[in-house]
Amino acid sequence: MTDVVENNEVSQDSKNLALLMWIGTIFFGFIPGLVLYLIKKDDDFVIAHSKEALNWSITAIFAYLAALVLTLVVIGILLLPAIGLCHLIFCIMAAVKASDGLNYKVPLTLRLIK
């Protein structure tokens, strides 16, 4: 699920920005991805990671909303921690790939921003 990017093509600043964006996504949701998507138009690596972070954040928001509705039938109570755990794991995996200079596609994500 990863596309290899030559390490000499990706600057250390780009790697650091993508890494910090994924860490910020853990705590602040879609905001870090949106900010970098709007600001860093000249950096393809950061744009690719910010699109992926935005797509994952939107998917997670939809999942949380569905789980909240399903709390009326008790199943949502079990889904909420599972979604939170997936959010944490996927963001950490993406942060590791970003620090290595690799693109990462988060599984189970709706690709709304292309």
PDB file of N, CA and C in Angstrom:
ATOM      1  N   MET A   1       0.806  -1.198   0.000  1.00  0.00           N
ATOM      2  CA  MET A   1       0.000   0.000   0.000  1.00  0.00           C
ATOM      3  C   MET A   1       0.848   1.261   0.000  1.00  0.00           C
ATOM      4  N   THR A   2       2.131   1.118  -0.173  1.00  0.00           N
ATOM      5  CA  THR A   2       2.987   2.289  -0.199  1.00  0.00           C
ATOM      6  C   THR A   2       3.625   2.425  -1.568  1.00  0.00           C
ATOM      7  N   ASP A   3       3.851   3.650  -1.939  1.00  0.00           N
ATOM      8  CA  ASP A   3       4.575   3.938  -3.157  1.00  0.00           C
ATOM      9  C   ASP A   3       5.952   4.426  -2.751  1.00  0.00           C
ATOM     10  N   VAL A   4       6.972   3.832  -3.296  1.00  0.00           N
ATOM     11  CA  VAL A   4       8.330   4.208  -2.928  1.00  0.00           C
ATOM     12  C   VAL A   4       8.698   5.491  -3.648  1.00  0.00           C
ATOM     13  N   VAL A   5       9.208   6.424  -2.882  1.00  0.00           N
ATOM     14  CA  VAL A   5       9.696   7.684  -3.424  1.00  0.00           C
ATOM     15  C   VAL A   5      11.190   7.719  -3.153  1.00  0.00           C
ATOM     16  N   GLU A   6      11.952   8.141  -4.117  1.00  0.00           N
ATOM     17  CA  GLU A   6      13.390   8.228  -3.910  1.00  0.00           C
ATOM     18  C   GLU A   6      13.681   9.170  -2.752  1.00  0.00           C
ATOM     19  N   ASN A   7      14.501   8.719  -1.820  1.00  0.00           N
ATOM     20  CA  ASN A   7      14.816   9.537  -0.650  1.00  0.00           C
ATOM     21  C   ASN A   7      15.527  10.826  -1.021  1.00  0.00           C
ATOM     22  N   ASN A   8      16.293  10.834  -2.117  1.00  0.00           N
ATOM     23  CA  ASN A   8      16.990  12.056  -2.492  1.00  0.00           C
ATOM     24  C   ASN A   8      16.045  13.084  -3.112  1.00  0.00           C
ATOM     25  N   GLU A   9      14.839  12.685  -3.494  1.00  0.00           N
ATOM     26  CA  GLU A   9      13.880  13.630  -4.055  1.00  0.00           C
ATOM     27  C   GLU A   9      13.088  14.354  -2.977  1.00  0.00           C
ATOM     28  N   VAL A  10      12.974  13.763  -1.796  1.00  0.00           N
ATOM     29  CA  VAL A  10      12.168  14.341  -0.726  1.00  0.00           C
ATOM     30  C   VAL A  10      13.101  15.010   0.275  1.00  0.00           C
ATOM     31  N   SER A  11      12.895  16.312   0.486  1.00  0.00           N
ATOM     32  CA  SER A  11      13.751  17.028   1.422  1.00  0.00           C
ATOM     33  C   SER A  11      13.390  16.669   2.858  1.00  0.00           C
ATOM     34  N   GLN A  12      14.328  16.892   3.746  1.00  0.00           N
ATOM     35  CA  GLN A  12      14.091  16.603   5.162  1.00  0.00           C
ATOM     36  C   GLN A  12      12.985  17.504   5.714  1.00  0.00           C
ATOM     37  N   ASP A  13      12.881  18.727   5.215  1.00  0.00           N
ATOM     38  CA  ASP A  13      11.811  19.626   5.660  1.00  0.00           C
ATOM     39  C   ASP A  13      10.434  19.064   5.287  1.00  0.00           C
ATOM     40  N   SER A  14      10.330  18.505   4.095  1.00  0.00           N
ATOM     41  CA  SER A  14       9.063  17.912   3.661  1.00  0.00           C
ATOM     42  C   SER A  14       8.700  16.723   4.528  1.00  0.00           C
ATOM     43  N   LYS A  15       9.698  15.884   4.812  1.00  0.00           N
ATOM     44  CA  LYS A  15       9.454  14.730   5.681  1.00  0.00           C
ATOM     45  C   LYS A  15       8.994  15.172   7.067  1.00  0.00           C
ATOM     46  N   ASN A  16       9.664  16.195   7.602  1.00  0.00           N
ATOM     47  CA  ASN A  16       9.311  16.687   8.941  1.00  0.00           C
ATOM     48  C   ASN A  16       7.909  17.282   8.969  1.00  0.00           C
ATOM     49  N   LEU A  17       7.560  18.047   7.937  1.00  0.00           N
ATOM     50  CA  LEU A  17       6.217  18.633   7.887  1.00  0.00           C
ATOM     51  C   LEU A  17       5.138  17.557   7.805  1.00  0.00           C
ATOM     52  N   ALA A  18       5.366  16.548   6.972  1.00  0.00           N
ATOM     53  CA  ALA A  18       4.389  15.461   6.856  1.00  0.00           C
ATOM     54  C   ALA A  18       4.286  14.689   8.161  1.00  0.00           C
ATOM     55  N   LEU A  19       5.408  14.452   8.820  1.00  0.00           N
ATOM     56  CA  LEU A  19       5.407  13.759  10.102  1.00  0.00           C
ATOM     57  C   LEU A  19       4.628  14.544  11.145  1.00  0.00           C
ATOM     58  N   LEU A  20       4.916  15.838  11.251  1.00  0.00           N
ATOM     59  CA  LEU A  20       4.208  16.680  12.228  1.00  0.00           C
ATOM     60  C   LEU A  20       2.721  16.782  11.908  1.00  0.00           C
ATOM     61  N   MET A  21       2.381  16.785  10.622  1.00  0.00           N
ATOM     62  CA  MET A  21       0.970  16.842  10.248  1.00  0.00           C
ATOM     63  C   MET A  21       0.228  15.597  10.722  1.00  0.00           C
ATOM     64  N   TRP A  22       0.829  14.415  10.541  1.00  0.00           N
ATOM     65  CA  TRP A  22       0.173  13.185  10.983  1.00  0.00           C
ATOM     66  C   TRP A  22       0.059  13.135  12.498  1.00  0.00           C
ATOM     67  N   ILE A  23       1.081  13.596  13.204  1.00  0.00           N
ATOM     68  CA  ILE A  23       0.993  13.641  14.667  1.00  0.00           C
ATOM     69  C   ILE A  23      -0.095  14.624  15.084  1.00  0.00           C
ATOM     70  N   GLY A  24      -0.173  15.758  14.398  1.00  0.00           N
ATOM     71  CA  GLY A  24      -1.229  16.728  14.682  1.00  0.00           C
ATOM     72  C   GLY A  24      -2.613  16.189  14.371  1.00  0.00           C
ATOM     73  N   THR A  25      -2.705  15.322  13.368  1.00  0.00           N
ATOM     74  CA  THR A  25      -3.987  14.723  13.007  1.00  0.00           C
ATOM     75  C   THR A  25      -4.519  13.842  14.134  1.00  0.00           C
ATOM     76  N   ILE A  26      -3.625  13.219  14.875  1.00  0.00           N
ATOM     77  CA  ILE A  26      -4.060  12.403  16.019  1.00  0.00           C
ATOM     78  C   ILE A  26      -4.840  13.264  17.006  1.00  0.00           C
ATOM     79  N   PHE A  27      -4.350  14.469  17.262  1.00  0.00           N
ATOM     80  CA  PHE A  27      -4.938  15.321  18.303  1.00  0.00           C
ATOM     81  C   PHE A  27      -5.957  16.327  17.780  1.00  0.00           C
ATOM     82  N   PHE A  28      -5.751  16.840  16.565  1.00  0.00           N
ATOM     83  CA  PHE A  28      -6.587  17.939  16.072  1.00  0.00           C
ATOM     84  C   PHE A  28      -7.443  17.584  14.858  1.00  0.00           C
ATOM     85  N   GLY A  29      -7.460  16.318  14.461  1.00  0.00           N
ATOM     86  CA  GLY A  29      -8.322  15.893  13.369  1.00  0.00           C
ATOM     87  C   GLY A  29      -7.883  16.419  12.019  1.00  0.00           C
ATOM     88  N   PHE A  30      -8.815  17.003  11.289  1.00  0.00           N
ATOM     89  CA  PHE A  30      -8.556  17.422   9.906  1.00  0.00           C
ATOM     90  C   PHE A  30      -7.797  18.734   9.787  1.00  0.00           C
ATOM     91  N   ILE A  31      -7.648  19.496  10.869  1.00  0.00           N
ATOM     92  CA  ILE A  31      -7.090  20.845  10.799  1.00  0.00           C
ATOM     93  C   ILE A  31      -5.639  20.878  10.292  1.00  0.00           C
ATOM     94  N   PRO A  32      -4.701  20.062  10.828  1.00  0.00           N
ATOM     95  CA  PRO A  32      -3.332  20.133  10.295  1.00  0.00           C
ATOM     96  C   PRO A  32      -3.247  19.773   8.806  1.00  0.00           C
ATOM     97  N   GLY A  33      -4.003  18.775   8.381  1.00  0.00           N
ATOM     98  CA  GLY A  33      -3.998  18.398   6.968  1.00  0.00           C
ATOM     99  C   GLY A  33      -4.538  19.502   6.083  1.00  0.00           C
ATOM    100  N   LEU A  34      -5.602  20.152   6.545  1.00  0.00           N
ATOM    101  CA  LEU A  34      -6.194  21.243   5.772  1.00  0.00           C
ATOM    102  C   LEU A  34      -5.247  22.431   5.675  1.00  0.00           C
ATOM    103  N   VAL A  35      -4.595  22.775   6.772  1.00  0.00           N
ATOM    104  CA  VAL A  35      -3.669  23.911   6.769  1.00  0.00           C
ATOM    105  C   VAL A  35      -2.515  23.662   5.800  1.00  0.00           C
ATOM    106  N   LEU A  36      -1.907  22.485   5.877  1.00  0.00           N
ATOM    107  CA  LEU A  36      -0.790  22.202   4.972  1.00  0.00           C
ATOM    108  C   LEU A  36      -1.250  22.047   3.527  1.00  0.00           C
ATOM    109  N   TYR A  37      -2.450  21.535   3.322  1.00  0.00           N
ATOM    110  CA  TYR A  37      -2.991  21.415   1.964  1.00  0.00           C
ATOM    111  C   TYR A  37      -3.157  22.796   1.329  1.00  0.00           C
ATOM    112  N   LEU A  38      -3.559  23.769   2.126  1.00  0.00           N
ATOM    113  CA  LEU A  38      -3.775  25.115   1.602  1.00  0.00           C
ATOM    114  C   LEU A  38      -2.484  25.928   1.487  1.00  0.00           C
ATOM    115  N   ILE A  39      -1.506  25.644   2.338  1.00  0.00           N
ATOM    116  CA  ILE A  39      -0.293  26.461   2.384  1.00  0.00           C
ATOM    117  C   ILE A  39       0.828  25.918   1.497  1.00  0.00           C
ATOM    118  N   LYS A  40       1.075  24.620   1.515  1.00  0.00           N
ATOM    119  CA  LYS A  40       2.235  24.022   0.845  1.00  0.00           C
ATOM    120  C   LYS A  40       1.898  23.518  -0.557  1.00  0.00           C
ATOM    121  N   LYS A  41       1.445  24.387  -1.426  1.00  0.00           N
ATOM    122  CA  LYS A  41       1.068  23.998  -2.793  1.00  0.00           C
ATOM    123  C   LYS A  41       2.274  23.599  -3.642  1.00  0.00           C
ATOM    124  N   ASP A  42       3.481  23.992  -3.269  1.00  0.00           N
ATOM    125  CA  ASP A  42       4.653  23.724  -4.084  1.00  0.00           C
ATOM    126  C   ASP A  42       5.366  22.421  -3.724  1.00  0.00           C
ATOM    127  N   ASP A  43       4.910  21.727  -2.682  1.00  0.00           N
ATOM    128  CA  ASP A  43       5.580  20.520  -2.209  1.00  0.00           C
ATOM    129  C   ASP A  43       4.681  19.305  -2.426  1.00  0.00           C
ATOM    130  N   ASP A  44       4.998  18.510  -3.439  1.00  0.00           N
ATOM    131  CA  ASP A  44       4.156  17.361  -3.804  1.00  0.00           C
ATOM    132  C   ASP A  44       4.063  16.313  -2.698  1.00  0.00           C
ATOM    133  N   PHE A  45       5.146  16.080  -1.986  1.00  0.00           N
ATOM    134  CA  PHE A  45       5.153  15.086  -0.915  1.00  0.00           C
ATOM    135  C   PHE A  45       4.211  15.492   0.220  1.00  0.00           C
ATOM    136  N   VAL A  46       4.289  16.746   0.626  1.00  0.00           N
ATOM    137  CA  VAL A  46       3.422  17.236   1.711  1.00  0.00           C
ATOM    138  C   VAL A  46       1.969  17.272   1.242  1.00  0.00           C
ATOM    139  N   ILE A  47       1.734  17.660   0.016  1.00  0.00           N
ATOM    140  CA  ILE A  47       0.366  17.683  -0.523  1.00  0.00           C
ATOM    141  C   ILE A  47      -0.224  16.281  -0.544  1.00  0.00           C
ATOM    142  N   ALA A  48       0.563  15.286  -0.972  1.00  0.00           N
ATOM    143  CA  ALA A  48       0.061  13.905  -1.011  1.00  0.00           C
ATOM    144  C   ALA A  48      -0.315  13.429   0.396  1.00  0.00           C
ATOM    145  N   HIS A  49       0.509  13.735   1.371  1.00  0.00           N
ATOM    146  CA  HIS A  49       0.206  13.315   2.744  1.00  0.00           C
ATOM    147  C   HIS A  49      -0.951  14.124   3.335  1.00  0.00           C
ATOM    148  N   SER A  50      -1.042  15.391   2.987  1.00  0.00           N
ATOM    149  CA  SER A  50      -2.148  16.186   3.525  1.00  0.00           C
ATOM    150  C   SER A  50      -3.487  15.739   2.927  1.00  0.00           C
ATOM    151  N   LYS A  51      -3.499  15.361   1.641  1.00  0.00           N
ATOM    152  CA  LYS A  51      -4.729  14.820   1.049  1.00  0.00           C
ATOM    153  C   LYS A  51      -5.138  13.532   1.752  1.00  0.00           C
ATOM    154  N   GLU A  52      -4.158  12.679   2.018  1.00  0.00           N
ATOM    155  CA  GLU A  52      -4.450  11.415   2.682  1.00  0.00           C
ATOM    156  C   GLU A  52      -4.949  11.653   4.111  1.00  0.00           C
ATOM    157  N   ALA A  53      -4.347  12.611   4.792  1.00  0.00           N
ATOM    158  CA  ALA A  53      -4.788  12.932   6.152  1.00  0.00           C
ATOM    159  C   ALA A  53      -6.202  13.515   6.142  1.00  0.00           C
ATOM    160  N   LEU A  54      -6.498  14.349   5.174  1.00  0.00           N
ATOM    161  CA  LEU A  54      -7.853  14.895   5.065  1.00  0.00           C
ATOM    162  C   LEU A  54      -8.864  13.796   4.759  1.00  0.00           C
ATOM    163  N   ASN A  55      -8.524  12.924   3.835  1.00  0.00           N
ATOM    164  CA  ASN A  55      -9.427  11.813   3.511  1.00  0.00           C
ATOM    165  C   ASN A  55      -9.661  10.928   4.730  1.00  0.00           C
ATOM    166  N   TRP A  56      -8.594  10.619   5.461  1.00  0.00           N
ATOM    167  CA  TRP A  56      -8.754   9.773   6.641  1.00  0.00           C
ATOM    168  C   TRP A  56      -9.578  10.499   7.713  1.00  0.00           C
ATOM    169  N   SER A  57      -9.334  11.781   7.926  1.00  0.00           N
ATOM    170  CA  SER A  57     -10.066  12.522   8.941  1.00  0.00           C
ATOM    171  C   SER A  57     -11.558  12.585   8.621  1.00  0.00           C
ATOM    172  N   ILE A  58     -11.880  12.792   7.360  1.00  0.00           N
ATOM    173  CA  ILE A  58     -13.292  12.823   6.953  1.00  0.00           C
ATOM    174  C   ILE A  58     -13.929  11.451   7.166  1.00  0.00           C
ATOM    175  N   THR A  59     -13.205  10.398   6.799  1.00  0.00           N
ATOM    176  CA  THR A  59     -13.712   9.040   7.014  1.00  0.00           C
ATOM    177  C   THR A  59     -13.927   8.765   8.494  1.00  0.00           C
ATOM    178  N   ALA A  60     -12.982   9.180   9.327  1.00  0.00           N
ATOM    179  CA  ALA A  60     -13.106   8.968  10.771  1.00  0.00           C
ATOM    180  C   ALA A  60     -14.292   9.748  11.337  1.00  0.00           C
ATOM    181  N   ILE A  61     -14.514  10.960  10.855  1.00  0.00           N
ATOM    182  CA  ILE A  61     -15.663  11.748  11.327  1.00  0.00           C
ATOM    183  C   ILE A  61     -16.967  11.033  10.975  1.00  0.00           C
ATOM    184  N   PHE A  62     -17.067  10.539   9.746  1.00  0.00           N
ATOM    185  CA  PHE A  62     -18.265   9.779   9.361  1.00  0.00           C
ATOM    186  C   PHE A  62     -18.446   8.546  10.233  1.00  0.00           C
ATOM    187  N   ALA A  63     -17.353   7.851  10.508  1.00  0.00           N
ATOM    188  CA  ALA A  63     -17.429   6.643  11.346  1.00  0.00           C
ATOM    189  C   ALA A  63     -17.858   6.988  12.771  1.00  0.00           C
ATOM    190  N   TYR A  64     -17.305   8.068  13.325  1.00  0.00           N
ATOM    191  CA  TYR A  64     -17.708   8.492  14.673  1.00  0.00           C
ATOM    192  C   TYR A  64     -19.191   8.865  14.714  1.00  0.00           C
ATOM    193  N   LEU A  65     -19.656   9.571  13.694  1.00  0.00           N
ATOM    194  CA  LEU A  65     -21.072   9.950  13.661  1.00  0.00           C
ATOM    195  C   LEU A  65     -21.972   8.722  13.569  1.00  0.00           C
ATOM    196  N   ALA A  66     -21.599   7.761  12.742  1.00  0.00           N
ATOM    197  CA  ALA A  66     -22.381   6.527  12.634  1.00  0.00           C
ATOM    198  C   ALA A  66     -22.372   5.771  13.958  1.00  0.00           C
ATOM    199  N   ALA A  67     -21.216   5.730  14.627  1.00  0.00           N
ATOM    200  CA  ALA A  67     -21.126   5.039  15.915  1.00  0.00           C
ATOM    201  C   ALA A  67     -21.966   5.753  16.974  1.00  0.00           C
ATOM    202  N   LEU A  68     -21.988   7.081  16.919  1.00  0.00           N
ATOM    203  CA  LEU A  68     -22.819   7.824  17.881  1.00  0.00           C
ATOM    204  C   LEU A  68     -24.299   7.506  17.695  1.00  0.00           C
ATOM    205  N   VAL A  69     -24.729   7.415  16.448  1.00  0.00           N
ATOM    206  CA  VAL A  69     -26.122   7.050  16.176  1.00  0.00           C
ATOM    207  C   VAL A  69     -26.387   5.622  16.660  1.00  0.00           C
ATOM    208  N   LEU A  70     -25.419   4.740  16.459  1.00  0.00           N
ATOM    209  CA  LEU A  70     -25.584   3.344  16.845  1.00  0.00           C
ATOM    210  C   LEU A  70     -25.480   3.112  18.352  1.00  0.00           C
ATOM    211  N   THR A  71     -25.109   4.137  19.113  1.00  0.00           N
ATOM    212  CA  THR A  71     -25.114   3.967  20.570  1.00  0.00           C
ATOM    213  C   THR A  71     -26.533   3.760  21.089  1.00  0.00           C
ATOM    214  N   LEU A  72     -27.509   4.155  20.299  1.00  0.00           N
ATOM    215  CA  LEU A  72     -28.901   3.918  20.690  1.00  0.00           C
ATOM    216  C   LEU A  72     -29.223   2.430  20.729  1.00  0.00           C
ATOM    217  N   VAL A  73     -28.475   1.633  19.947  1.00  0.00           N
ATOM    218  CA  VAL A  73     -28.667   0.187  19.951  1.00  0.00           C
ATOM    219  C   VAL A  73     -27.458  -0.527  20.555  1.00  0.00           C
ATOM    220  N   VAL A  74     -26.703   0.144  21.362  1.00  0.00           N
ATOM    221  CA  VAL A  74     -25.590  -0.365  22.162  1.00  0.00           C
ATOM    222  C   VAL A  74     -24.330  -0.708  21.348  1.00  0.00           C
ATOM    223  N   ILE A  75     -24.454  -1.100  20.094  1.00  0.00           N
ATOM    224  CA  ILE A  75     -23.278  -1.483  19.302  1.00  0.00           C
ATOM    225  C   ILE A  75     -22.309  -0.312  19.141  1.00  0.00           C
ATOM    226  N   GLY A  76     -22.829   0.901  19.125  1.00  0.00           N
ATOM    227  CA  GLY A  76     -21.981   2.083  18.970  1.00  0.00           C
ATOM    228  C   GLY A  76     -21.007   2.260  20.113  1.00  0.00           C
ATOM    229  N   ILE A  77     -21.375   1.786  21.298  1.00  0.00           N
ATOM    230  CA  ILE A  77     -20.485   1.889  22.456  1.00  0.00           C
ATOM    231  C   ILE A  77     -19.214   1.065  22.214  1.00  0.00           C
ATOM    232  N   LEU A  78     -19.359  -0.044  21.523  1.00  0.00           N
ATOM    233  CA  LEU A  78     -18.200  -0.867  21.186  1.00  0.00           C
ATOM    234  C   LEU A  78     -17.424  -0.309  19.994  1.00  0.00           C
ATOM    235  N   LEU A  79     -18.124   0.379  19.101  1.00  0.00           N
ATOM    236  CA  LEU A  79     -17.469   0.918  17.905  1.00  0.00           C
ATOM    237  C   LEU A  79     -16.610   2.150  18.203  1.00  0.00           C
ATOM    238  N   LEU A  80     -17.026   2.988  19.133  1.00  0.00           N
ATOM    239  CA  LEU A  80     -16.296   4.226  19.404  1.00  0.00           C
ATOM    240  C   LEU A  80     -14.833   3.977  19.784  1.00  0.00           C
ATOM    241  N   PRO A  81     -14.538   3.080  20.743  1.00  0.00           N
ATOM    242  CA  PRO A  81     -13.112   2.842  21.035  1.00  0.00           C
ATOM    243  C   PRO A  81     -12.378   2.170  19.873  1.00  0.00           C
ATOM    244  N   ALA A  82     -13.056   1.339  19.105  1.00  0.00           N
ATOM    245  CA  ALA A  82     -12.412   0.687  17.955  1.00  0.00           C
ATOM    246  C   ALA A  82     -12.015   1.719  16.904  1.00  0.00           C
ATOM    247  N   ILE A  83     -12.881   2.685  16.654  1.00  0.00           N
ATOM    248  CA  ILE A  83     -12.568   3.749  15.696  1.00  0.00           C
ATOM    249  C   ILE A  83     -11.409   4.592  16.212  1.00  0.00           C
ATOM    250  N   GLY A  84     -11.427   4.910  17.496  1.00  0.00           N
ATOM    251  CA  GLY A  84     -10.330   5.678  18.084  1.00  0.00           C
ATOM    252  C   GLY A  84      -8.998   4.954  17.982  1.00  0.00           C
ATOM    253  N   LEU A  85      -9.012   3.651  18.215  1.00  0.00           N
ATOM    254  CA  LEU A  85      -7.791   2.856  18.107  1.00  0.00           C
ATOM    255  C   LEU A  85      -7.290   2.801  16.662  1.00  0.00           C
ATOM    256  N   CYS A  86      -8.204   2.635  15.705  1.00  0.00           N
ATOM    257  CA  CYS A  86      -7.824   2.666  14.286  1.00  0.00           C
ATOM    258  C   CYS A  86      -7.229   4.016  13.913  1.00  0.00           C
ATOM    259  N   HIS A  87      -7.828   5.079  14.412  1.00  0.00           N
ATOM    260  CA  HIS A  87      -7.327   6.432  14.133  1.00  0.00           C
ATOM    261  C   HIS A  87      -5.893   6.579  14.638  1.00  0.00           C
ATOM    262  N   LEU A  88      -5.652   6.146  15.846  1.00  0.00           N
ATOM    263  CA  LEU A  88      -4.315   6.240  16.426  1.00  0.00           C
ATOM    264  C   LEU A  88      -3.313   5.391  15.641  1.00  0.00           C
ATOM    265  N   ILE A  89      -3.650   4.163  15.353  1.00  0.00           N
ATOM    266  CA  ILE A  89      -2.733   3.255  14.655  1.00  0.00           C
ATOM    267  C   ILE A  89      -2.444   3.738  13.237  1.00  0.00           C
ATOM    268  N   PHE A  90      -3.475   4.131  12.493  1.00  0.00           N
ATOM    269  CA  PHE A  90      -3.261   4.571  11.115  1.00  0.00           C
ATOM    270  C   PHE A  90      -2.432   5.856  11.059  1.00  0.00           C
ATOM    271  N   CYS A  91      -2.661   6.771  11.988  1.00  0.00           N
ATOM    272  CA  CYS A  91      -1.875   8.011  11.999  1.00  0.00           C
ATOM    273  C   CYS A  91      -0.416   7.738  12.347  1.00  0.00           C
ATOM    274  N   ILE A  92      -0.165   6.823  13.275  1.00  0.00           N
ATOM    275  CA  ILE A  92       1.210   6.481  13.626  1.00  0.00           C
ATOM    276  C   ILE A  92       1.903   5.798  12.450  1.00  0.00           C
ATOM    277  N   MET A  93       1.195   4.880  11.795  1.00  0.00           N
ATOM    278  CA  MET A  93       1.783   4.204  10.634  1.00  0.00           C
ATOM    279  C   MET A  93       2.116   5.206   9.528  1.00  0.00           C
ATOM    280  N   ALA A  94       1.231   6.144   9.286  1.00  0.00           N
ATOM    281  CA  ALA A  94       1.474   7.156   8.255  1.00  0.00           C
ATOM    282  C   ALA A  94       2.622   8.079   8.654  1.00  0.00           C
ATOM    283  N   ALA A  95       2.726   8.409   9.938  1.00  0.00           N
ATOM    284  CA  ALA A  95       3.825   9.266  10.401  1.00  0.00           C
ATOM    285  C   ALA A  95       5.173   8.580  10.210  1.00  0.00           C
ATOM    286  N   VAL A  96       5.225   7.285  10.464  1.00  0.00           N
ATOM    287  CA  VAL A  96       6.468   6.531  10.260  1.00  0.00           C
ATOM    288  C   VAL A  96       6.835   6.510   8.781  1.00  0.00           C
ATOM    289  N   LYS A  97       5.856   6.272   7.920  1.00  0.00           N
ATOM    290  CA  LYS A  97       6.122   6.255   6.475  1.00  0.00           C
ATOM    291  C   LYS A  97       6.557   7.643   5.994  1.00  0.00           C
ATOM    292  N   ALA A  98       5.934   8.691   6.527  1.00  0.00           N
ATOM    293  CA  ALA A  98       6.308  10.052   6.129  1.00  0.00           C
ATOM    294  C   ALA A  98       7.739  10.368   6.551  1.00  0.00           C
ATOM    295  N   SER A  99       8.136   9.923   7.731  1.00  0.00           N
ATOM    296  CA  SER A  99       9.501  10.192   8.183  1.00  0.00           C
ATOM    297  C   SER A  99      10.526   9.415   7.360  1.00  0.00           C
ATOM    298  N   ASP A 100      10.104   8.309   6.744  1.00  0.00           N
ATOM    299  CA  ASP A 100      10.984   7.542   5.856  1.00  0.00           C
ATOM    300  C   ASP A 100      10.980   8.071   4.427  1.00  0.00           C
ATOM    301  N   GLY A 101      10.126   9.042   4.136  1.00  0.00           N
ATOM    302  CA  GLY A 101      10.055   9.605   2.792  1.00  0.00           C
ATOM    303  C   GLY A 101       9.185   8.808   1.849  1.00  0.00           C
ATOM    304  N   LEU A 102       8.253   8.021   2.395  1.00  0.00           N
ATOM    305  CA  LEU A 102       7.376   7.183   1.579  1.00  0.00           C
ATOM    306  C   LEU A 102       5.950   7.717   1.611  1.00  0.00           C
ATOM    307  N   ASN A 103       5.233   7.545   0.501  1.00  0.00           N
ATOM    308  CA  ASN A 103       3.807   7.855   0.492  1.00  0.00           C
ATOM    309  C   ASN A 103       3.069   6.719   1.178  1.00  0.00           C
ATOM    310  N   TYR A 104       1.906   7.024   1.755  1.00  0.00           N
ATOM    311  CA  TYR A 104       1.140   6.015   2.480  1.00  0.00           C
ATOM    312  C   TYR A 104      -0.337   6.200   2.169  1.00  0.00           C
ATOM    313  N   LYS A 105      -0.992   5.114   1.864  1.00  0.00           N
ATOM    314  CA  LYS A 105      -2.442   5.116   1.650  1.00  0.00           C
ATOM    315  C   LYS A 105      -3.086   4.433   2.846  1.00  0.00           C
ATOM    316  N   VAL A 106      -3.875   5.176   3.590  1.00  0.00           N
ATOM    317  CA  VAL A 106      -4.542   4.629   4.769  1.00  0.00           C
ATOM    318  C   VAL A 106      -5.637   3.677   4.314  1.00  0.00           C
ATOM    319  N   PRO A 107      -5.644   2.448   4.853  1.00  0.00           N
ATOM    320  CA  PRO A 107      -6.698   1.506   4.455  1.00  0.00           C
ATOM    321  C   PRO A 107      -8.063   1.947   4.981  1.00  0.00           C
ATOM    322  N   LEU A 108      -9.107   1.480   4.345  1.00  0.00           N
ATOM    323  CA  LEU A 108     -10.497   1.737   4.749  1.00  0.00           C
ATOM    324  C   LEU A 108     -10.893   3.204   4.633  1.00  0.00           C
ATOM    325  N   THR A 109     -10.216   3.957   3.781  1.00  0.00           N
ATOM    326  CA  THR A 109     -10.466   5.390   3.679  1.00  0.00           C
ATOM    327  C   THR A 109     -11.293   5.722   2.451  1.00  0.00           C
ATOM    328  N   LEU A 110     -12.257   6.625   2.618  1.00  0.00           N
ATOM    329  CA  LEU A 110     -13.000   7.168   1.483  1.00  0.00           C
ATOM    330  C   LEU A 110     -12.099   8.176   0.777  1.00  0.00           C
ATOM    331  N   ARG A 111     -11.883   8.028  -0.493  1.00  0.00           N
ATOM    332  CA  ARG A 111     -11.026   8.936  -1.248  1.00  0.00           C
ATOM    333  C   ARG A 111     -11.876  10.062  -1.830  1.00  0.00           C
ATOM    334  N   LEU A 112     -12.175  11.061  -1.016  1.00  0.00           N
ATOM    335  CA  LEU A 112     -13.012  12.175  -1.444  1.00  0.00           C
ATOM    336  C   LEU A 112     -12.180  13.301  -2.060  1.00  0.00           C
ATOM    337  N   ILE A 113     -10.959  13.470  -1.588  1.00  0.00           N
ATOM    338  CA  ILE A 113     -10.061  14.502  -2.116  1.00  0.00           C
ATOM    339  C   ILE A 113      -9.012  13.796  -2.949  1.00  0.00           C
ATOM    340  N   LYS A 114      -8.943  14.138  -4.219  1.00  0.00           N
ATOM    341  CA  LYS A 114      -8.014  13.428  -5.108  1.00  0.00           C
ATOM    342  C   LYS A 114      -6.873  14.296  -5.528  1.00  0.00           C
TER     343      LYS A 114
END
